[in-house]
């Protein structure tokens, strides 16, 4: 029986909302300070959006519950990996090779989805240099903190939740 207000569903709603809130915050900061968004940042935003959609679908108890949850977890992990790589590039700029691409619209207009995927995970010089700071920290560091914080809370909840 579907009980929308059961603890697992509430927690999945909270995690999905946190993911969406992080994207809204990132977009707001970008628009407020007229920041150009690199491919890695787009990749991380899309990963959070996909994770949020998966978690919210899981919370509804739909027939694709397990598939949606696993897809959300995969998306979240890929975003976290991208965030880790971007912070690494930020502090090891010599590891950044070439360009990370021309942004989301360019990749999607040309149908180069693999290029976007690669660019989102590997990055380039644009992702390693000239990163704006917000609240005294470079934005890639804040992104990593968000991914790590939400991820650790989710893992703690997942481990402490009794089997269903």
C-alpha atoms as a PDB file:
ATOM      1  CA  UNK A   1       0.000   0.000   0.000  1.00  0.00           C
ATOM      2  CA  UNK A   2       1.225   3.450  -0.890  1.00  0.00           C
ATOM      3  CA  UNK A   3       1.668   5.637   2.183  1.00  0.00           C
ATOM      4  CA  UNK A   4       2.910   9.007   0.992  1.00  0.00           C
ATOM      5  CA  UNK A   5       3.841  10.198   4.487  1.00  0.00           C
ATOM      6  CA  UNK A   6       5.862   7.143   5.503  1.00  0.00           C
ATOM      7  CA  UNK A   7       9.351   7.965   6.744  1.00  0.00           C
ATOM      8  CA  UNK A   8      11.225   6.622   3.686  1.00  0.00           C
ATOM      9  CA  UNK A   9       9.039   8.627   1.333  1.00  0.00           C
ATOM     10  CA  UNK A  10       9.453  11.795   3.384  1.00  0.00           C
ATOM     11  CA  UNK A  11      13.223  11.393   3.430  1.00  0.00           C
ATOM     12  CA  UNK A  12      13.370  10.766  -0.320  1.00  0.00           C
ATOM     13  CA  UNK A  13      11.298  13.920  -0.822  1.00  0.00           C
ATOM     14  CA  UNK A  14      13.753  15.835   1.358  1.00  0.00           C
ATOM     15  CA  UNK A  15      16.786  14.515  -0.539  1.00  0.00           C
ATOM     16  CA  UNK A  16      15.149  15.281  -3.892  1.00  0.00           C
ATOM     17  CA  UNK A  17      14.283  18.774  -2.695  1.00  0.00           C
ATOM     18  CA  UNK A  18      17.852  19.337  -1.465  1.00  0.00           C
ATOM     19  CA  UNK A  19      19.169  18.402  -4.924  1.00  0.00           C
ATOM     20  CA  UNK A  20      16.748  20.797  -6.620  1.00  0.00           C
ATOM     21  CA  UNK A  21      17.565  23.510  -4.074  1.00  0.00           C
ATOM     22  CA  UNK A  22      21.277  23.156  -4.821  1.00  0.00           C
ATOM     23  CA  UNK A  23      20.615  23.606  -8.549  1.00  0.00           C
ATOM     24  CA  UNK A  24      18.418  26.645  -7.916  1.00  0.00           C
ATOM     25  CA  UNK A  25      21.140  28.139  -5.706  1.00  0.00           C
ATOM     26  CA  UNK A  26      23.818  27.497  -8.357  1.00  0.00           C
ATOM     27  CA  UNK A  27      21.716  29.059 -11.106  1.00  0.00           C
ATOM     28  CA  UNK A  28      20.859  32.038  -8.884  1.00  0.00           C
ATOM     29  CA  UNK A  29      24.509  32.689  -8.024  1.00  0.00           C
ATOM     30  CA  UNK A  30      25.465  32.344 -11.681  1.00  0.00           C
ATOM     31  CA  UNK A  31      22.797  34.791 -12.834  1.00  0.00           C
ATOM     32  CA  UNK A  32      23.416  37.254  -9.996  1.00  0.00           C
ATOM     33  CA  UNK A  33      27.141  37.494 -10.708  1.00  0.00           C
ATOM     34  CA  UNK A  34      26.907  36.947 -14.503  1.00  0.00           C
ATOM     35  CA  UNK A  35      29.128  33.874 -14.336  1.00  0.00           C
ATOM     36  CA  UNK A  36      29.861  31.794 -17.411  1.00  0.00           C
ATOM     37  CA  UNK A  37      29.044  28.161 -16.770  1.00  0.00           C
ATOM     38  CA  UNK A  38      31.644  25.605 -17.858  1.00  0.00           C
ATOM     39  CA  UNK A  39      30.828  22.109 -19.084  1.00  0.00           C
ATOM     40  CA  UNK A  40      31.673  20.518 -15.747  1.00  0.00           C
ATOM     41  CA  UNK A  41      29.304  22.872 -13.943  1.00  0.00           C
ATOM     42  CA  UNK A  42      26.523  22.075 -16.426  1.00  0.00           C
ATOM     43  CA  UNK A  43      27.217  18.382 -15.979  1.00  0.00           C
ATOM     44  CA  UNK A  44      26.977  18.691 -12.196  1.00  0.00           C
ATOM     45  CA  UNK A  45      23.732  20.660 -12.406  1.00  0.00           C
ATOM     46  CA  UNK A  46      22.178  18.092 -14.730  1.00  0.00           C
ATOM     47  CA  UNK A  47      23.364  15.281 -12.465  1.00  0.00           C
ATOM     48  CA  UNK A  48      21.610  16.913  -9.507  1.00  0.00           C
ATOM     49  CA  UNK A  49      18.433  17.461 -11.534  1.00  0.00           C
ATOM     50  CA  UNK A  50      18.391  13.821 -12.661  1.00  0.00           C
ATOM     51  CA  UNK A  51      19.093  12.662  -9.100  1.00  0.00           C
ATOM     52  CA  UNK A  52      16.230  14.821  -7.825  1.00  0.00           C
ATOM     53  CA  UNK A  53      13.821  13.450 -10.434  1.00  0.00           C
ATOM     54  CA  UNK A  54      14.835   9.877  -9.598  1.00  0.00           C
ATOM     55  CA  UNK A  55      14.470  10.410  -5.854  1.00  0.00           C
ATOM     56  CA  UNK A  56      11.106  12.126  -6.233  1.00  0.00           C
ATOM     57  CA  UNK A  57       9.856   9.307  -8.477  1.00  0.00           C
ATOM     58  CA  UNK A  58      11.064   6.822  -5.887  1.00  0.00           C
ATOM     59  CA  UNK A  59       9.187   8.712  -3.160  1.00  0.00           C
ATOM     60  CA  UNK A  60       5.918   8.420  -5.082  1.00  0.00           C
ATOM     61  CA  UNK A  61       6.127   4.648  -4.898  1.00  0.00           C
ATOM     62  CA  UNK A  62       5.706   4.233  -8.633  1.00  0.00           C
ATOM     63  CA  UNK A  63       6.226   0.911 -10.409  1.00  0.00           C
ATOM     64  CA  UNK A  64       9.732   1.976 -11.427  1.00  0.00           C
ATOM     65  CA  UNK A  65      10.717   2.762  -7.832  1.00  0.00           C
ATOM     66  CA  UNK A  66      13.927   0.694  -7.649  1.00  0.00           C
ATOM     67  CA  UNK A  67      15.045   1.652 -11.150  1.00  0.00           C
ATOM     68  CA  UNK A  68      14.446   5.347 -10.428  1.00  0.00           C
ATOM     69  CA  UNK A  69      16.354   5.128  -7.156  1.00  0.00           C
ATOM     70  CA  UNK A  70      19.351   3.404  -8.755  1.00  0.00           C
ATOM     71  CA  UNK A  71      19.339   5.896 -11.650  1.00  0.00           C
ATOM     72  CA  UNK A  72      19.271   8.748  -9.117  1.00  0.00           C
ATOM     73  CA  UNK A  73      22.176   7.233  -7.215  1.00  0.00           C
ATOM     74  CA  UNK A  74      24.198   6.733 -10.408  1.00  0.00           C
ATOM     75  CA  UNK A  75      23.514  10.280 -11.530  1.00  0.00           C
ATOM     76  CA  UNK A  76      24.504  11.619  -8.120  1.00  0.00           C
ATOM     77  CA  UNK A  77      27.759   9.631  -8.067  1.00  0.00           C
ATOM     78  CA  UNK A  78      28.678  10.868 -11.566  1.00  0.00           C
ATOM     79  CA  UNK A  79      28.043  14.455 -10.441  1.00  0.00           C
ATOM     80  CA  UNK A  80      30.169  13.905  -7.336  1.00  0.00           C
ATOM     81  CA  UNK A  81      33.014  12.458  -9.444  1.00  0.00           C
ATOM     82  CA  UNK A  82      32.819  15.470 -11.771  1.00  0.00           C
ATOM     83  CA  UNK A  83      32.903  17.789  -8.772  1.00  0.00           C
ATOM     84  CA  UNK A  84      35.940  15.998  -7.313  1.00  0.00           C
ATOM     85  CA  UNK A  85      37.728  16.236 -10.647  1.00  0.00           C
ATOM     86  CA  UNK A  86      36.961  19.947 -10.956  1.00  0.00           C
ATOM     87  CA  UNK A  87      38.345  20.689  -7.488  1.00  0.00           C
ATOM     88  CA  UNK A  88      41.428  18.615  -8.351  1.00  0.00           C
ATOM     89  CA  UNK A  89      41.896  20.664 -11.538  1.00  0.00           C
ATOM     90  CA  UNK A  90      41.409  23.868  -9.575  1.00  0.00           C
ATOM     91  CA  UNK A  91      44.405  23.056  -7.378  1.00  0.00           C
ATOM     92  CA  UNK A  92      46.438  21.179 -10.032  1.00  0.00           C
ATOM     93  CA  UNK A  93      45.993  23.314 -13.131  1.00  0.00           C
ATOM     94  CA  UNK A  94      48.857  21.545 -14.906  1.00  0.00           C
ATOM     95  CA  UNK A  95      46.602  18.455 -15.097  1.00  0.00           C
ATOM     96  CA  UNK A  96      44.026  20.340 -17.172  1.00  0.00           C
ATOM     97  CA  UNK A  97      44.589  19.471 -20.803  1.00  0.00           C
ATOM     98  CA  UNK A  98      42.935  21.352 -23.625  1.00  0.00           C
ATOM     99  CA  UNK A  99      39.486  22.835 -23.603  1.00  0.00           C
ATOM    100  CA  UNK A 100      36.462  21.455 -21.813  1.00  0.00           C
ATOM    101  CA  UNK A 101      34.234  22.437 -24.718  1.00  0.00           C
ATOM    102  CA  UNK A 102      31.895  25.201 -25.659  1.00  0.00           C
ATOM    103  CA  UNK A 103      29.115  24.585 -23.187  1.00  0.00           C
ATOM    104  CA  UNK A 104      25.900  22.649 -22.976  1.00  0.00           C
ATOM    105  CA  UNK A 105      24.065  24.217 -25.914  1.00  0.00           C
ATOM    106  CA  UNK A 106      26.939  23.579 -28.321  1.00  0.00           C
ATOM    107  CA  UNK A 107      27.148  19.892 -27.436  1.00  0.00           C
ATOM    108  CA  UNK A 108      23.402  19.337 -27.620  1.00  0.00           C
ATOM    109  CA  UNK A 109      22.945  21.307 -30.861  1.00  0.00           C
ATOM    110  CA  UNK A 110      25.527  19.088 -32.526  1.00  0.00           C
ATOM    111  CA  UNK A 111      24.202  15.922 -30.903  1.00  0.00           C
ATOM    112  CA  UNK A 112      27.596  15.274 -29.333  1.00  0.00           C
ATOM    113  CA  UNK A 113      26.306  13.734 -26.109  1.00  0.00           C
ATOM    114  CA  UNK A 114      29.430  11.655 -25.541  1.00  0.00           C
ATOM    115  CA  UNK A 115      31.509  14.833 -25.894  1.00  0.00           C
ATOM    116  CA  UNK A 116      29.406  16.491 -23.215  1.00  0.00           C
ATOM    117  CA  UNK A 117      29.682  13.418 -20.972  1.00  0.00           C
ATOM    118  CA  UNK A 118      33.468  13.317 -21.425  1.00  0.00           C
ATOM    119  CA  UNK A 119      33.807  17.054 -20.942  1.00  0.00           C
ATOM    120  CA  UNK A 120      31.674  16.909 -17.803  1.00  0.00           C
ATOM    121  CA  UNK A 121      33.865  14.254 -16.229  1.00  0.00           C
ATOM    122  CA  UNK A 122      37.336  15.209 -17.522  1.00  0.00           C
ATOM    123  CA  UNK A 123      37.137  18.989 -17.879  1.00  0.00           C
ATOM    124  CA  UNK A 124      39.745  21.311 -19.288  1.00  0.00           C
ATOM    125  CA  UNK A 125      41.461  24.648 -18.770  1.00  0.00           C
ATOM    126  CA  UNK A 126      38.206  26.620 -18.478  1.00  0.00           C
ATOM    127  CA  UNK A 127      37.128  24.391 -15.605  1.00  0.00           C
ATOM    128  CA  UNK A 128      40.441  24.864 -13.790  1.00  0.00           C
ATOM    129  CA  UNK A 129      41.019  28.595 -14.050  1.00  0.00           C
ATOM    130  CA  UNK A 130      39.215  31.817 -13.292  1.00  0.00           C
ATOM    131  CA  UNK A 131      36.704  30.275 -10.902  1.00  0.00           C
ATOM    132  CA  UNK A 132      34.611  32.781  -9.017  1.00  0.00           C
ATOM    133  CA  UNK A 133      34.349  32.652  -5.246  1.00  0.00           C
ATOM    134  CA  UNK A 134      31.165  32.814  -3.200  1.00  0.00           C
ATOM    135  CA  UNK A 135      31.141  32.952   0.601  1.00  0.00           C
ATOM    136  CA  UNK A 136      34.950  32.984   0.465  1.00  0.00           C
ATOM    137  CA  UNK A 137      35.270  29.652  -1.347  1.00  0.00           C
ATOM    138  CA  UNK A 138      35.693  28.852  -5.040  1.00  0.00           C
ATOM    139  CA  UNK A 139      32.378  27.682  -6.492  1.00  0.00           C
ATOM    140  CA  UNK A 140      33.760  24.210  -7.424  1.00  0.00           C
ATOM    141  CA  UNK A 141      34.669  23.688  -3.762  1.00  0.00           C
ATOM    142  CA  UNK A 142      31.142  24.662  -2.727  1.00  0.00           C
ATOM    143  CA  UNK A 143      29.767  22.241  -5.298  1.00  0.00           C
ATOM    144  CA  UNK A 144      31.895  19.435  -3.872  1.00  0.00           C
ATOM    145  CA  UNK A 145      30.724  20.320  -0.362  1.00  0.00           C
ATOM    146  CA  UNK A 146      27.077  20.135  -1.482  1.00  0.00           C
ATOM    147  CA  UNK A 147      27.546  16.795  -3.239  1.00  0.00           C
ATOM    148  CA  UNK A 148      29.467  15.354  -0.295  1.00  0.00           C
ATOM    149  CA  UNK A 149      27.020  16.653   2.313  1.00  0.00           C
ATOM    150  CA  UNK A 150      23.892  15.388   0.561  1.00  0.00           C
ATOM    151  CA  UNK A 151      25.644  12.130  -0.319  1.00  0.00           C
ATOM    152  CA  UNK A 152      26.754  11.430   3.250  1.00  0.00           C
ATOM    153  CA  UNK A 153      23.287  12.189   4.620  1.00  0.00           C
ATOM    154  CA  UNK A 154      21.744   9.895   2.014  1.00  0.00           C
ATOM    155  CA  UNK A 155      24.207   7.090   2.779  1.00  0.00           C
ATOM    156  CA  UNK A 156      23.590   7.418   6.512  1.00  0.00           C
ATOM    157  CA  UNK A 157      19.837   7.269   5.916  1.00  0.00           C
ATOM    158  CA  UNK A 158      20.175   4.313   3.532  1.00  0.00           C
ATOM    159  CA  UNK A 159      22.327   2.335   5.973  1.00  0.00           C
ATOM    160  CA  UNK A 160      20.200   3.118   9.026  1.00  0.00           C
ATOM    161  CA  UNK A 161      16.899   2.351   7.293  1.00  0.00           C
ATOM    162  CA  UNK A 162      15.495  -1.076   8.096  1.00  0.00           C
ATOM    163  CA  UNK A 163      14.960  -3.452   5.162  1.00  0.00           C
ATOM    164  CA  UNK A 164      11.627  -3.051   3.465  1.00  0.00           C
END
